C-alpha atoms as a PDB file:
ATOM      1  CA  MET A   1      59.543  -7.761  73.214  1.00  0.00           C
ATOM      2  CA  LEU A   2      59.991 -11.515  73.666  1.00  0.00           C
ATOM      3  CA  SER A   3      61.632 -13.445  76.472  1.00  0.00           C
ATOM      4  CA  PHE A   4      61.344 -16.701  78.368  1.00  0.00           C
ATOM      5  CA  ASP A   5      59.297 -17.368  81.455  1.00  0.00           C
ATOM      6  CA  ARG A   6      61.276 -17.945  84.682  1.00  0.00           C
ATOM      7  CA  GLU A   7      63.825 -15.241  83.867  1.00  0.00           C
ATOM      8  CA  PHE A   8      65.522 -13.438  86.745  1.00  0.00           C
ATOM      9  CA  PRO A   9      63.409 -10.413  87.793  1.00  0.00           C
ATOM     10  CA  ALA A  10      66.118  -7.929  86.738  1.00  0.00           C
ATOM     11  CA  ASN A  11      65.451  -9.020  83.155  1.00  0.00           C
ATOM     12  CA  VAL A  12      61.674  -8.797  83.545  1.00  0.00           C
ATOM     13  CA  TYR A  13      60.551  -5.709  85.467  1.00  0.00           C
ATOM     14  CA  PRO A  14      62.370  -3.121  83.296  1.00  0.00           C
ATOM     15  CA  TRP A  15      60.573  -4.490  80.239  1.00  0.00           C
ATOM     16  CA  MET A  16      57.241  -4.632  82.039  1.00  0.00           C
ATOM     17  CA  ALA A  17      57.716  -0.973  82.933  1.00  0.00           C
ATOM     18  CA  LEU A  18      57.813  -0.108  79.230  1.00  0.00           C
ATOM     19  CA  GLY A  19      54.179  -1.109  78.945  1.00  0.00           C
ATOM     20  CA  SER A  20      53.207   2.506  79.689  1.00  0.00           C
ATOM     21  CA  ARG A  21      55.130   3.470  76.550  1.00  0.00           C
ATOM     22  CA  GLY A  22      53.339   1.014  74.330  1.00  0.00           C
ATOM     23  CA  VAL A  23      55.829  -1.849  74.511  1.00  0.00           C
ATOM     24  CA  ARG A  24      54.272  -5.281  74.990  1.00  0.00           C
ATOM     25  CA  PHE A  25      56.478  -7.711  76.891  1.00  0.00           C
ATOM     26  CA  GLU A  26      55.711 -11.390  76.333  1.00  0.00           C
ATOM     27  CA  GLN A  27      57.290 -14.343  78.143  1.00  0.00           C
ATOM     28  CA  LEU A  28      57.145 -17.685  76.377  1.00  0.00           C
ATOM     29  CA  PRO A  29      56.353 -20.765  78.505  1.00  0.00           C
ATOM     30  CA  CYS A  30      59.202 -23.086  79.464  1.00  0.00           C
ATOM     31  CA  LEU A  31      59.406 -26.817  78.852  1.00  0.00           C
ATOM     32  CA  ASP A  32      60.107 -28.690  82.091  1.00  0.00           C
ATOM     33  CA  ASP A  33      61.267 -25.380  83.593  1.00  0.00           C
ATOM     34  CA  LEU A  34      63.849 -24.867  80.806  1.00  0.00           C
ATOM     35  CA  PRO A  35      63.692 -22.240  78.030  1.00  0.00           C
ATOM     36  CA  ASP A  36      61.890 -23.357  74.863  1.00  0.00           C
ATOM     37  CA  GLU A  37      64.310 -22.039  72.260  1.00  0.00           C
ATOM     38  CA  ALA A  38      62.403 -23.631  69.371  1.00  0.00           C
ATOM     39  CA  ALA A  39      59.258 -21.729  70.333  1.00  0.00           C
ATOM     40  CA  LEU A  40      61.256 -18.507  70.559  1.00  0.00           C
ATOM     41  CA  GLU A  41      62.696 -19.042  67.090  1.00  0.00           C
ATOM     42  CA  ARG A  42      59.212 -19.603  65.667  1.00  0.00           C
ATOM     43  CA  ALA A  43      57.950 -16.447  67.364  1.00  0.00           C
ATOM     44  CA  LEU A  44      60.656 -14.401  65.636  1.00  0.00           C
ATOM     45  CA  ASP A  45      58.619 -14.664  62.438  1.00  0.00           C
ATOM     46  CA  ARG A  46      55.859 -12.527  63.953  1.00  0.00           C
ATOM     47  CA  PRO A  47      56.074  -9.055  62.373  1.00  0.00           C
ATOM     48  CA  GLU A  48      55.231  -7.190  65.598  1.00  0.00           C
ATOM     49  CA  VAL A  49      58.290  -8.600  67.378  1.00  0.00           C
ATOM     50  CA  ARG A  50      61.079  -6.031  67.526  1.00  0.00           C
ATOM     51  CA  ALA A  51      63.486  -7.477  70.079  1.00  0.00           C
ATOM     52  CA  VAL A  52      64.383 -10.482  72.225  1.00  0.00           C
ATOM     53  CA  THR A  53      65.877 -10.443  75.714  1.00  0.00           C
ATOM     54  CA  VAL A  54      67.293 -13.554  77.375  1.00  0.00           C
ATOM     55  CA  SER A  55      69.672 -14.561  80.101  1.00  0.00           C
ATOM     56  CA  TRP A  56      72.653 -16.324  78.574  1.00  0.00           C
ATOM     57  CA  VAL A  57      72.613 -18.638  81.602  1.00  0.00           C
ATOM     58  CA  GLN A  58      69.431 -19.063  83.621  1.00  0.00           C
ATOM     59  CA  PHE A  59      69.844 -18.180  87.294  1.00  0.00           C
ATOM     60  CA  ALA A  60      67.933 -21.118  88.790  1.00  0.00           C
ATOM     61  CA  THR A  61      68.594 -23.993  86.400  1.00  0.00           C
ATOM     62  CA  GLY A  62      71.977 -23.079  84.932  1.00  0.00           C
ATOM     63  CA  TYR A  63      70.554 -23.665  81.438  1.00  0.00           C
ATOM     64  CA  CYS A  64      72.791 -22.042  78.803  1.00  0.00           C
ATOM     65  CA  VAL A  65      71.039 -20.548  75.774  1.00  0.00           C
ATOM     66  CA  ASP A  66      72.610 -21.178  72.350  1.00  0.00           C
ATOM     67  CA  LEU A  67      73.406 -17.511  71.726  1.00  0.00           C
ATOM     68  CA  ALA A  68      75.207 -18.190  68.451  1.00  0.00           C
ATOM     69  CA  ARG A  69      72.098 -19.771  66.947  1.00  0.00           C
ATOM     70  CA  LEU A  70      69.658 -17.311  68.497  1.00  0.00           C
ATOM     71  CA  GLY A  71      71.786 -14.330  67.488  1.00  0.00           C
ATOM     72  CA  ALA A  72      71.970 -15.542  63.906  1.00  0.00           C
ATOM     73  CA  ARG A  73      68.191 -15.990  63.748  1.00  0.00           C
ATOM     74  CA  CYS A  74      67.586 -12.548  65.238  1.00  0.00           C
ATOM     75  CA  ARG A  75      69.971 -10.880  62.798  1.00  0.00           C
ATOM     76  CA  GLU A  76      68.412 -12.705  59.828  1.00  0.00           C
ATOM     77  CA  ARG A  77      64.972 -11.420  60.823  1.00  0.00           C
ATOM     78  CA  GLY A  78      66.030  -7.926  61.827  1.00  0.00           C
ATOM     79  CA  LYS A  79      65.301  -8.335  65.555  1.00  0.00           C
ATOM     80  CA  PHE A  80      67.434  -6.880  68.339  1.00  0.00           C
ATOM     81  CA  LEU A  81      69.066  -9.320  70.778  1.00  0.00           C
ATOM     82  CA  VAL A  82      69.538  -8.116  74.365  1.00  0.00           C
ATOM     83  CA  VAL A  83      71.419 -10.415  76.741  1.00  0.00           C
ATOM     84  CA  ASP A  84      71.774 -10.583  80.518  1.00  0.00           C
ATOM     85  CA  ALA A  85      75.114 -12.360  80.916  1.00  0.00           C
ATOM     86  CA  ILE A  86      75.788 -12.122  84.651  1.00  0.00           C
ATOM     87  CA  GLN A  87      75.492 -15.872  85.286  1.00  0.00           C
ATOM     88  CA  GLY A  88      77.875 -16.895  82.501  1.00  0.00           C
ATOM     89  CA  VAL A  89      80.643 -14.378  81.803  1.00  0.00           C
ATOM     90  CA  GLY A  90      83.700 -15.505  83.735  1.00  0.00           C
ATOM     91  CA  ALA A  91      82.660 -19.155  83.765  1.00  0.00           C
ATOM     92  CA  ARG A  92      83.087 -19.631  80.012  1.00  0.00           C
ATOM     93  CA  PRO A  93      84.167 -17.364  77.147  1.00  0.00           C
ATOM     94  CA  LEU A  94      81.620 -15.465  75.075  1.00  0.00           C
ATOM     95  CA  ASP A  95      82.190 -13.731  71.723  1.00  0.00           C
ATOM     96  CA  VAL A  96      79.471 -11.088  71.429  1.00  0.00           C
ATOM     97  CA  ARG A  97      80.327 -10.317  67.812  1.00  0.00           C
ATOM     98  CA  ALA A  98      80.231 -13.932  66.685  1.00  0.00           C
ATOM     99  CA  CYS A  99      76.888 -14.323  68.485  1.00  0.00           C
ATOM    100  CA  ASN A 100      75.408 -11.156  66.930  1.00  0.00           C
ATOM    101  CA  VAL A 101      74.546  -9.696  70.329  1.00  0.00           C
ATOM    102  CA  ASP A 102      73.212  -6.145  70.128  1.00  0.00           C
ATOM    103  CA  VAL A 103      73.200  -5.204  73.818  1.00  0.00           C
ATOM    104  CA  LEU A 104      74.700  -7.133  76.730  1.00  0.00           C
ATOM    105  CA  SER A 105      74.690  -6.284  80.418  1.00  0.00           C
ATOM    106  CA  CYS A 106      76.723  -8.003  83.088  1.00  0.00           C
ATOM    107  CA  GLY A 107      77.224  -7.393  86.765  1.00  0.00           C
ATOM    108  CA  ALA A 108      80.771  -8.339  87.705  1.00  0.00           C
ATOM    109  CA  GLN A 109      80.229  -9.511  91.287  1.00  0.00           C
ATOM    110  CA  LYS A 110      79.594 -13.143  90.370  1.00  0.00           C
ATOM    111  CA  TRP A 111      81.797 -15.111  87.963  1.00  0.00           C
ATOM    112  CA  LEU A 112      84.074 -12.136  87.330  1.00  0.00           C
ATOM    113  CA  LEU A 113      84.989 -12.165  91.043  1.00  0.00           C
ATOM    114  CA  SER A 114      84.615  -8.399  91.370  1.00  0.00           C
ATOM    115  CA  PRO A 115      83.154  -6.061  94.010  1.00  0.00           C
ATOM    116  CA  TRP A 116      79.439  -5.398  94.279  1.00  0.00           C
ATOM    117  CA  GLY A 117      78.542  -2.329  92.240  1.00  0.00           C
ATOM    118  CA  SER A 118      80.883  -3.161  89.358  1.00  0.00           C
ATOM    119  CA  GLY A 119      79.804  -4.349  85.943  1.00  0.00           C
ATOM    120  CA  PHE A 120      79.474  -3.249  82.342  1.00  0.00           C
ATOM    121  CA  THR A 121      77.141  -2.874  79.385  1.00  0.00           C
ATOM    122  CA  TYR A 122      78.105  -3.663  75.797  1.00  0.00           C
ATOM    123  CA  VAL A 123      76.317  -1.976  72.885  1.00  0.00           C
ATOM    124  CA  ARG A 124      77.038  -3.034  69.315  1.00  0.00           C
ATOM    125  CA  ARG A 125      78.909  -0.080  67.833  1.00  0.00           C
ATOM    126  CA  GLU A 126      76.722   0.124  64.736  1.00  0.00           C
ATOM    127  CA  LEU A 127      73.668   0.736  66.927  1.00  0.00           C
ATOM    128  CA  ILE A 128      75.022   3.494  69.137  1.00  0.00           C
ATOM    129  CA  ALA A 129      74.202   6.442  66.907  1.00  0.00           C
ATOM    130  CA  ASP A 130      70.620   5.230  66.405  1.00  0.00           C
ATOM    131  CA  LEU A 131      69.812   4.684  70.090  1.00  0.00           C
ATOM    132  CA  GLU A 132      68.574   7.635  72.125  1.00  0.00           C
ATOM    133  CA  PRO A 133      69.133   7.357  75.893  1.00  0.00           C
ATOM    134  CA  SER A 134      65.884   7.231  77.856  1.00  0.00           C
ATOM    135  CA  SER A 135      67.653   8.968  80.738  1.00  0.00           C
ATOM    136  CA  VAL A 136      70.552  11.345  80.176  1.00  0.00           C
ATOM    137  CA  GLY A 137      73.399  11.886  82.597  1.00  0.00           C
ATOM    138  CA  TRP A 138      75.490  15.027  82.562  1.00  0.00           C
ATOM    139  CA  MET A 139      78.565  13.089  81.406  1.00  0.00           C
ATOM    140  CA  ALA A 140      76.723  11.640  78.400  1.00  0.00           C
ATOM    141  CA  VAL A 141      77.542  14.605  76.151  1.00  0.00           C
ATOM    142  CA  ARG A 142      80.776  15.215  74.315  1.00  0.00           C
ATOM    143  CA  GLY A 143      81.877  18.406  76.056  1.00  0.00           C
ATOM    144  CA  SER A 144      81.481  17.154  79.618  1.00  0.00           C
ATOM    145  CA  ASP A 145      85.137  16.147  79.991  1.00  0.00           C
ATOM    146  CA  ASP A 146      86.144  19.819  79.943  1.00  0.00           C
ATOM    147  CA  PHE A 147      85.319  20.933  83.474  1.00  0.00           C
ATOM    148  CA  SER A 148      86.257  24.525  82.662  1.00  0.00           C
ATOM    149  CA  ARG A 149      83.262  24.900  80.304  1.00  0.00           C
ATOM    150  CA  LEU A 150      80.468  23.057  82.084  1.00  0.00           C
ATOM    151  CA  VAL A 151      77.874  25.789  81.501  1.00  0.00           C
ATOM    152  CA  ASP A 152      78.549  25.999  77.764  1.00  0.00           C
ATOM    153  CA  TYR A 153      75.630  23.660  77.236  1.00  0.00           C
ATOM    154  CA  ASP A 154      75.811  21.578  74.071  1.00  0.00           C
ATOM    155  CA  TYR A 155      73.470  18.618  73.903  1.00  0.00           C
ATOM    156  CA  THR A 156      75.623  16.552  71.541  1.00  0.00           C
ATOM    157  CA  LEU A 157      75.731  12.996  72.781  1.00  0.00           C
ATOM    158  CA  ARG A 158      78.980  11.055  72.811  1.00  0.00           C
ATOM    159  CA  ASP A 159      79.514   8.784  69.834  1.00  0.00           C
ATOM    160  CA  ASP A 160      80.323   5.749  71.978  1.00  0.00           C
ATOM    161  CA  ALA A 161      78.458   3.789  74.660  1.00  0.00           C
ATOM    162  CA  ARG A 162      79.203   6.449  77.288  1.00  0.00           C
ATOM    163  CA  ARG A 163      76.140   8.284  76.012  1.00  0.00           C
ATOM    164  CA  PHE A 164      74.119   5.773  78.042  1.00  0.00           C
ATOM    165  CA  GLU A 165      75.884   6.390  81.366  1.00  0.00           C
ATOM    166  CA  VAL A 166      73.605   8.044  83.915  1.00  0.00           C
ATOM    167  CA  VAL A 167      75.469   7.737  87.232  1.00  0.00           C
ATOM    168  CA  THR A 168      78.801   8.590  88.779  1.00  0.00           C
ATOM    169  CA  HIS A 169      81.220   5.690  88.513  1.00  0.00           C
ATOM    170  CA  ASP A 170      82.095   3.607  91.544  1.00  0.00           C
ATOM    171  CA  TYR A 171      85.822   3.910  90.912  1.00  0.00           C
ATOM    172  CA  GLN A 172      86.813   1.875  93.947  1.00  0.00           C
ATOM    173  CA  ALA A 173      84.726  -1.059  92.710  1.00  0.00           C
ATOM    174  CA  PHE A 174      86.220  -0.786  89.250  1.00  0.00           C
ATOM    175  CA  VAL A 175      89.744  -0.943  90.674  1.00  0.00           C
ATOM    176  CA  GLY A 176      88.795  -4.303  92.174  1.00  0.00           C
ATOM    177  CA  MET A 177      87.125  -5.372  88.945  1.00  0.00           C
ATOM    178  CA  ILE A 178      90.237  -4.575  86.902  1.00  0.00           C
ATOM    179  CA  ALA A 179      92.377  -6.589  89.320  1.00  0.00           C
ATOM    180  CA  SER A 180      89.991  -9.550  88.996  1.00  0.00           C
ATOM    181  CA  LEU A 181      89.989  -9.337  85.205  1.00  0.00           C
ATOM    182  CA  GLU A 182      93.794  -9.286  85.206  1.00  0.00           C
ATOM    183  CA  LEU A 183      93.763 -12.386  87.417  1.00  0.00           C
ATOM    184  CA  LEU A 184      91.343 -14.284  85.157  1.00  0.00           C
ATOM    185  CA  HIS A 185      93.220 -13.324  82.007  1.00  0.00           C
ATOM    186  CA  GLY A 186      96.478 -14.277  83.679  1.00  0.00           C
ATOM    187  CA  LEU A 187      95.102 -17.733  84.423  1.00  0.00           C
ATOM    188  CA  GLY A 188      93.746 -17.959  80.882  1.00  0.00           C
ATOM    189  CA  LEU A 189      90.039 -17.869  80.033  1.00  0.00           C
ATOM    190  CA  ASP A 190      90.112 -21.316  78.473  1.00  0.00           C
ATOM    191  CA  ALA A 191      91.900 -22.766  81.509  1.00  0.00           C
ATOM    192  CA  VAL A 192      89.340 -21.179  83.838  1.00  0.00           C
ATOM    193  CA  ALA A 193      86.468 -22.561  81.760  1.00  0.00           C
ATOM    194  CA  ALA A 194      88.057 -26.025  81.688  1.00  0.00           C
ATOM    195  CA  GLN A 195      88.356 -26.134  85.489  1.00  0.00           C
ATOM    196  CA  VAL A 196      84.801 -24.881  85.966  1.00  0.00           C
ATOM    197  CA  ARG A 197      83.530 -27.500  83.547  1.00  0.00           C
ATOM    198  CA  ARG A 198      85.565 -30.304  85.145  1.00  0.00           C
ATOM    199  CA  LEU A 199      84.204 -29.580  88.604  1.00  0.00           C
ATOM    200  CA  GLY A 200      80.694 -29.207  87.227  1.00  0.00           C
ATOM    201  CA  ASP A 201      81.025 -32.539  85.446  1.00  0.00           C
ATOM    202  CA  ARG A 202      81.703 -34.183  88.808  1.00  0.00           C
ATOM    203  CA  ILE A 203      78.474 -32.822  90.282  1.00  0.00           C
ATOM    204  CA  VAL A 204      76.508 -33.832  87.186  1.00  0.00           C
ATOM    205  CA  ALA A 205      77.898 -37.382  87.258  1.00  0.00           C
ATOM    206  CA  TRP A 206      77.139 -37.686  90.977  1.00  0.00           C
ATOM    207  CA  ALA A 207      73.535 -36.553  90.506  1.00  0.00           C
ATOM    208  CA  LEU A 208      72.919 -38.841  87.527  1.00  0.00           C
ATOM    209  CA  ASP A 209      74.116 -41.810  89.584  1.00  0.00           C
ATOM    210  CA  ARG A 210      71.537 -41.290  92.332  1.00  0.00           C
ATOM    211  CA  ASP A 211      67.832 -41.967  92.504  1.00  0.00           C
ATOM    212  CA  ASP A 212      67.202 -39.537  95.366  1.00  0.00           C
ATOM    213  CA  VAL A 213      68.442 -36.446  93.520  1.00  0.00           C
ATOM    214  CA  ARG A 214      67.140 -34.874  90.322  1.00  0.00           C
ATOM    215  CA  LEU A 215      69.605 -33.066  88.080  1.00  0.00           C
ATOM    216  CA  VAL A 216      67.971 -29.752  87.143  1.00  0.00           C
ATOM    217  CA  THR A 217      70.791 -28.397  84.993  1.00  0.00           C
ATOM    218  CA  PRO A 218      71.258 -30.025  81.579  1.00  0.00           C
ATOM    219  CA  ALA A 219      73.928 -32.738  81.604  1.00  0.00           C
ATOM    220  CA  ASP A 220      75.198 -31.624  78.176  1.00  0.00           C
ATOM    221  CA  PRO A 221      78.226 -29.364  78.830  1.00  0.00           C
ATOM    222  CA  ALA A 222      77.238 -27.215  75.847  1.00  0.00           C
ATOM    223  CA  ARG A 223      74.027 -26.348  77.690  1.00  0.00           C
ATOM    224  CA  ARG A 224      75.594 -25.178  80.944  1.00  0.00           C
ATOM    225  CA  ALA A 225      78.303 -22.823  82.118  1.00  0.00           C
ATOM    226  CA  GLY A 226      79.228 -22.967  85.803  1.00  0.00           C
ATOM    227  CA  ILE A 227      75.946 -23.348  87.662  1.00  0.00           C
ATOM    228  CA  VAL A 228      74.839 -26.899  88.472  1.00  0.00           C
ATOM    229  CA  SER A 229      71.468 -27.171  90.208  1.00  0.00           C
ATOM    230  CA  VAL A 230      70.212 -30.341  91.840  1.00  0.00           C
ATOM    231  CA  ALA A 231      66.919 -31.113  93.550  1.00  0.00           C
ATOM    232  CA  PRO A 232      67.199 -33.493  96.514  1.00  0.00           C
ATOM    233  CA  ARG A 233      64.002 -34.886  97.987  1.00  0.00           C
ATOM    234  CA  ASP A 234      64.171 -32.275 100.742  1.00  0.00           C
ATOM    235  CA  PRO A 235      66.018 -29.231  99.302  1.00  0.00           C
ATOM    236  CA  ALA A 236      65.671 -27.171 102.502  1.00  0.00           C
ATOM    237  CA  ALA A 237      67.204 -29.933 104.640  1.00  0.00           C
ATOM    238  CA  ALA A 238      70.015 -30.401 102.106  1.00  0.00           C
ATOM    239  CA  SER A 239      70.657 -26.670 102.189  1.00  0.00           C
ATOM    240  CA  ALA A 240      70.887 -26.775 105.987  1.00  0.00           C
ATOM    241  CA  ARG A 241      73.457 -29.579 105.814  1.00  0.00           C
ATOM    242  CA  LEU A 242      75.507 -27.612 103.293  1.00  0.00           C
ATOM    243  CA  ARG A 243      75.482 -24.551 105.547  1.00  0.00           C
ATOM    244  CA  ALA A 244      76.579 -26.675 108.496  1.00  0.00           C
ATOM    245  CA  ALA A 245      79.450 -28.031 106.380  1.00  0.00           C
ATOM    246  CA  GLY A 246      80.499 -24.513 105.425  1.00  0.00           C
ATOM    247  CA  VAL A 247      79.559 -24.937 101.762  1.00  0.00           C
ATOM    248  CA  ILE A 248      78.432 -21.731 100.071  1.00  0.00           C
ATOM    249  CA  HIS A 249      75.431 -22.384  97.850  1.00  0.00           C
ATOM    250  CA  SER A 250      71.980 -21.036  97.017  1.00  0.00           C
ATOM    251  CA  LEU A 251      68.470 -22.413  97.340  1.00  0.00           C
ATOM    252  CA  ARG A 252      66.629 -21.350  94.203  1.00  0.00           C
ATOM    253  CA  GLU A 253      63.196 -22.395  92.952  1.00  0.00           C
ATOM    254  CA  GLY A 254      63.168 -25.682  94.861  1.00  0.00           C
ATOM    255  CA  ALA A 255      66.719 -26.723  93.976  1.00  0.00           C
ATOM    256  CA  VAL A 256      70.184 -26.392  95.454  1.00  0.00           C
ATOM    257  CA  ARG A 257      72.431 -24.294  93.225  1.00  0.00           C
ATOM    258  CA  LEU A 258      76.161 -25.019  93.268  1.00  0.00           C
ATOM    259  CA  ALA A 259      78.594 -22.858  91.337  1.00  0.00           C
ATOM    260  CA  PRO A 260      82.206 -24.058  91.542  1.00  0.00           C
ATOM    261  CA  HIS A 261      84.764 -21.652  90.136  1.00  0.00           C
ATOM    262  CA  CYS A 262      88.384 -22.040  89.075  1.00  0.00           C
ATOM    263  CA  TYR A 263      89.682 -21.679  92.641  1.00  0.00           C
ATOM    264  CA  ASN A 264      87.638 -24.562  94.017  1.00  0.00           C
ATOM    265  CA  THR A 265      89.186 -27.963  94.673  1.00  0.00           C
ATOM    266  CA  ASP A 266      88.122 -31.575  94.386  1.00  0.00           C
ATOM    267  CA  ASP A 267      88.147 -31.875  98.166  1.00  0.00           C
ATOM    268  CA  GLU A 268      85.626 -29.052  98.377  1.00  0.00           C
ATOM    269  CA  ILE A 269      83.417 -30.746  95.800  1.00  0.00           C
ATOM    270  CA  ASP A 270      83.626 -33.969  97.849  1.00  0.00           C
ATOM    271  CA  ARG A 271      82.557 -32.050 100.961  1.00  0.00           C
ATOM    272  CA  ALA A 272      79.585 -30.533  99.144  1.00  0.00           C
ATOM    273  CA  LEU A 273      78.440 -33.860  97.705  1.00  0.00           C
ATOM    274  CA  ASP A 274      78.810 -35.602 101.070  1.00  0.00           C
ATOM    275  CA  ALA A 275      76.647 -32.929 102.680  1.00  0.00           C
ATOM    276  CA  LEU A 276      74.030 -33.220  99.941  1.00  0.00           C
ATOM    277  CA  ALA A 277      73.907 -36.977 100.349  1.00  0.00           C
ATOM    278  CA  GLY A 278      73.279 -36.603 104.053  1.00  0.00           C
END
């Protein structure tokens, strides 16, 4: 199993845990703290490699992996592609079929503007019948919808992705998630992405124009989604000024992470940049 170094822990520890089952998890070194996609592509030629797992958008740097290219290379070489998409879905559109994604997971509490506890997993339909759940919930079998025959045990797994469900749904959270999805679709996914990009472009341009701030996120819009991370000379002090100004942000790996969404305004971006500048 291949991945990049500096991935979010949620996309590391589950794979490490498979070591007891004979799975070797290898993280490839980054270049200047950014994923080395060329090295990953070269590693795909190794016969022992069975799968790749990456974050579509890196949590600390905002770096956006070229999933279309990576997915094509994985499919050509017969490797599975597993994607953690929580930092990108909702900020820009993603076509999992065009990108040849095999499995994708996404919590909905970030860019999808949904309650904590909501989210989803996508499994490429052609794979479902060949994948055996490692843990089986009681609703994973076909007959479990008929509550009048619960003790007529028949271990026949569902033929869709529900065979992988192991917990009771948080229906209240999903009601909020559906409302958020309706809102985003009502605004238009392309319009949302355009606003996110426009606001991000302002932060990028501001950082590139200063000698006391390092732009961590790639300037190329194709290589970012919504996150823009910058590293002032004193990130902790900059973070304190942002908090005092009422600007929601994160301090991650020595950089200040900003993540403007479609509801943010230019005035709010001005307030954030003024606070960063000190």
